Amino acid sequence: MENRITELELRFMHQEKTITELNETVCRQELSIARLERELGRMREQFSLLSPSINRTSDEEEPPPHY
């Protein structure tokens, strides 16, 4: 009986360690995703400033100055 309790305690400790490691991994991934989303937003802003005509329809596009 004592061996079974010891085995259960060891399993519990191992599972608790695994859960803690998984939680740390999820937290790191959440921070990485947030950073990537901010970078993507900045890249979209920069892209729209560089190529505004790509984001416009032909009706919104201004004619060239020589017309």
N, C-alpha and C. Protein backbone atom coordinates (compact mmCIF):
# COMPACT_ATOMS: atom_id res chain seq x y z
N MET A 1 0.82 -1.19 0.00
CA MET A 1 0.00 0.00 0.00
C MET A 1 0.87 1.27 0.00
N GLU A 2 1.92 1.25 0.78
CA GLU A 2 2.80 2.41 0.85
C GLU A 2 3.50 2.65 -0.49
N ASN A 3 3.85 1.57 -1.20
CA ASN A 3 4.47 1.71 -2.52
C ASN A 3 3.53 2.38 -3.51
N ARG A 4 2.27 2.03 -3.42
CA ARG A 4 1.28 2.63 -4.32
C ARG A 4 1.13 4.13 -4.04
N ILE A 5 1.13 4.51 -2.78
CA ILE A 5 1.02 5.92 -2.43
C ILE A 5 2.25 6.67 -2.91
N THR A 6 3.41 6.09 -2.72
CA THR A 6 4.65 6.72 -3.18
C THR A 6 4.63 6.89 -4.69
N GLU A 7 4.18 5.87 -5.40
CA GLU A 7 4.10 5.93 -6.86
C GLU A 7 3.13 7.04 -7.31
N LEU A 8 1.99 7.14 -6.63
CA LEU A 8 1.02 8.18 -6.95
C LEU A 8 1.60 9.56 -6.67
N GLU A 9 2.33 9.71 -5.58
CA GLU A 9 2.96 11.00 -5.27
C GLU A 9 3.98 11.38 -6.33
N LEU A 10 4.75 10.40 -6.79
CA LEU A 10 5.74 10.67 -7.83
C LEU A 10 5.06 11.06 -9.14
N ARG A 11 4.00 10.37 -9.48
CA ARG A 11 3.25 10.72 -10.69
C ARG A 11 2.68 12.13 -10.59
N PHE A 12 2.13 12.45 -9.43
CA PHE A 12 1.57 13.78 -9.22
C PHE A 12 2.65 14.84 -9.38
N MET A 13 3.80 14.64 -8.78
CA MET A 13 4.89 15.61 -8.88
C MET A 13 5.33 15.77 -10.34
N HIS A 14 5.42 14.68 -11.07
CA HIS A 14 5.81 14.73 -12.48
C HIS A 14 4.76 15.50 -13.28
N GLN A 15 3.50 15.21 -13.04
CA GLN A 15 2.43 15.91 -13.76
C GLN A 15 2.40 17.39 -13.42
N GLU A 16 2.63 17.71 -12.16
CA GLU A 16 2.66 19.11 -11.76
C GLU A 16 3.81 19.86 -12.45
N LYS A 17 4.97 19.21 -12.56
CA LYS A 17 6.11 19.81 -13.25
C LYS A 17 5.79 20.00 -14.73
N THR A 18 5.16 19.01 -15.34
CA THR A 18 4.80 19.09 -16.76
C THR A 18 3.80 20.23 -17.00
N ILE A 19 2.82 20.35 -16.12
CA ILE A 19 1.83 21.42 -16.27
C ILE A 19 2.49 22.78 -16.15
N THR A 20 3.41 22.92 -15.22
CA THR A 20 4.12 24.18 -15.06
C THR A 20 4.94 24.51 -16.30
N GLU A 21 5.63 23.53 -16.85
CA GLU A 21 6.42 23.74 -18.07
C GLU A 21 5.52 24.12 -19.24
N LEU A 22 4.38 23.45 -19.36
CA LEU A 22 3.45 23.77 -20.45
C LEU A 22 2.89 25.18 -20.29
N ASN A 23 2.58 25.57 -19.07
CA ASN A 23 2.08 26.91 -18.82
C ASN A 23 3.12 27.96 -19.21
N GLU A 24 4.37 27.73 -18.86
CA GLU A 24 5.44 28.66 -19.24
C GLU A 24 5.57 28.75 -20.75
N THR A 25 5.45 27.63 -21.42
CA THR A 25 5.53 27.62 -22.88
C THR A 25 4.38 28.42 -23.49
N VAL A 26 3.18 28.23 -22.99
CA VAL A 26 2.02 28.96 -23.51
C VAL A 26 2.19 30.46 -23.27
N CYS A 27 2.70 30.83 -22.11
CA CYS A 27 2.92 32.26 -21.81
C CYS A 27 3.94 32.86 -22.77
N ARG A 28 5.03 32.15 -23.03
CA ARG A 28 6.04 32.65 -23.98
C ARG A 28 5.44 32.78 -25.37
N GLN A 29 4.65 31.80 -25.78
CA GLN A 29 4.03 31.86 -27.10
C GLN A 29 3.05 33.02 -27.19
N GLU A 30 2.32 33.29 -26.13
CA GLU A 30 1.39 34.42 -26.13
C GLU A 30 2.13 35.73 -26.31
N LEU A 31 3.27 35.87 -25.63
CA LEU A 31 4.07 37.09 -25.79
C LEU A 31 4.61 37.20 -27.21
N SER A 32 5.06 36.08 -27.77
CA SER A 32 5.58 36.08 -29.14
C SER A 32 4.49 36.45 -30.14
N ILE A 33 3.31 35.90 -29.96
CA ILE A 33 2.20 36.20 -30.87
C ILE A 33 1.84 37.68 -30.79
N ALA A 34 1.80 38.23 -29.58
CA ALA A 34 1.48 39.66 -29.42
C ALA A 34 2.54 40.52 -30.12
N ARG A 35 3.81 40.15 -29.97
CA ARG A 35 4.89 40.90 -30.63
C ARG A 35 4.75 40.81 -32.14
N LEU A 36 4.47 39.62 -32.65
CA LEU A 36 4.32 39.44 -34.10
C LEU A 36 3.11 40.21 -34.63
N GLU A 37 2.03 40.26 -33.86
CA GLU A 37 0.86 41.02 -34.30
C GLU A 37 1.18 42.51 -34.37
N ARG A 38 1.95 43.02 -33.40
CA ARG A 38 2.34 44.44 -33.44
C ARG A 38 3.23 44.70 -34.65
N GLU A 39 4.19 43.81 -34.91
CA GLU A 39 5.07 43.97 -36.06
C GLU A 39 4.28 43.93 -37.36
N LEU A 40 3.33 43.02 -37.46
CA LEU A 40 2.50 42.93 -38.65
C LEU A 40 1.69 44.20 -38.86
N GLY A 41 1.15 44.75 -37.79
CA GLY A 41 0.42 46.00 -37.90
C GLY A 41 1.29 47.13 -38.41
N ARG A 42 2.53 47.22 -37.88
CA ARG A 42 3.46 48.26 -38.35
C ARG A 42 3.82 48.04 -39.81
N MET A 43 4.01 46.80 -40.21
CA MET A 43 4.35 46.51 -41.61
C MET A 43 3.20 46.87 -42.53
N ARG A 44 1.97 46.60 -42.09
CA ARG A 44 0.81 46.97 -42.91
C ARG A 44 0.72 48.48 -43.08
N GLU A 45 0.98 49.21 -41.99
CA GLU A 45 0.97 50.67 -42.08
C GLU A 45 2.04 51.16 -43.05
N GLN A 46 3.24 50.62 -42.93
CA GLN A 46 4.32 51.03 -43.83
C GLN A 46 3.99 50.68 -45.27
N PHE A 47 3.42 49.53 -45.49
CA PHE A 47 3.07 49.11 -46.85
C PHE A 47 2.01 50.03 -47.44
N SER A 48 1.02 50.39 -46.62
CA SER A 48 -0.03 51.26 -47.15
C SER A 48 0.52 52.65 -47.47
N LEU A 49 1.54 53.09 -46.74
CA LEU A 49 2.14 54.39 -47.04
C LEU A 49 2.99 54.32 -48.31
N LEU A 50 3.62 53.18 -48.55
CA LEU A 50 4.47 53.03 -49.73
C LEU A 50 3.67 52.82 -51.00
N SER A 51 2.59 52.09 -50.92
CA SER A 51 1.82 51.74 -52.10
C SER A 51 0.34 52.04 -51.89
N PRO A 52 -0.04 53.29 -51.80
CA PRO A 52 -1.47 53.57 -51.56
C PRO A 52 -2.36 53.15 -52.72
N SER A 53 -1.85 53.16 -53.96
CA SER A 53 -2.70 52.82 -55.10
C SER A 53 -3.08 51.34 -55.11
N ILE A 54 -2.31 50.49 -54.49
CA ILE A 54 -2.65 49.07 -54.44
C ILE A 54 -3.90 48.87 -53.59
N ASN A 55 -4.08 49.71 -52.59
CA ASN A 55 -5.21 49.57 -51.69
C ASN A 55 -6.47 50.26 -52.19
N ARG A 56 -6.39 51.01 -53.28
CA ARG A 56 -7.54 51.74 -53.80
C ARG A 56 -8.16 51.00 -54.98
N THR A 57 -9.43 51.25 -55.16
CA THR A 57 -10.09 50.69 -56.35
C THR A 57 -9.83 51.63 -57.52
N SER A 58 -10.18 51.22 -58.71
CA SER A 58 -9.95 52.07 -59.89
C SER A 58 -10.80 53.34 -59.83
N ASP A 59 -11.97 53.30 -59.18
CA ASP A 59 -12.81 54.48 -59.03
C ASP A 59 -12.18 55.50 -58.08
N GLU A 60 -11.47 55.00 -57.08
CA GLU A 60 -10.85 55.89 -56.10
C GLU A 60 -9.52 56.46 -56.61
N GLU A 61 -8.94 55.81 -57.57
CA GLU A 61 -7.63 56.22 -58.09
C GLU A 61 -7.72 57.56 -58.80
N GLU A 62 -6.82 58.44 -58.47
CA GLU A 62 -6.79 59.75 -59.12
C GLU A 62 -6.11 59.61 -60.49
N PRO A 63 -6.58 60.35 -61.48
CA PRO A 63 -5.93 60.26 -62.80
C PRO A 63 -4.56 60.93 -62.73
N PRO A 64 -3.66 60.51 -63.58
CA PRO A 64 -2.33 61.14 -63.61
C PRO A 64 -2.44 62.64 -63.93
N PRO A 65 -1.47 63.45 -63.57
CA PRO A 65 -1.56 64.90 -63.74
C PRO A 65 -1.68 65.32 -65.21
N HIS A 66 -1.24 64.56 -66.17
CA HIS A 66 -1.29 65.00 -67.57
C HIS A 66 -2.66 64.83 -68.21
N TYR A 67 -3.67 64.29 -67.52
CA TYR A 67 -5.01 64.15 -68.08
C TYR A 67 -5.83 65.39 -67.87
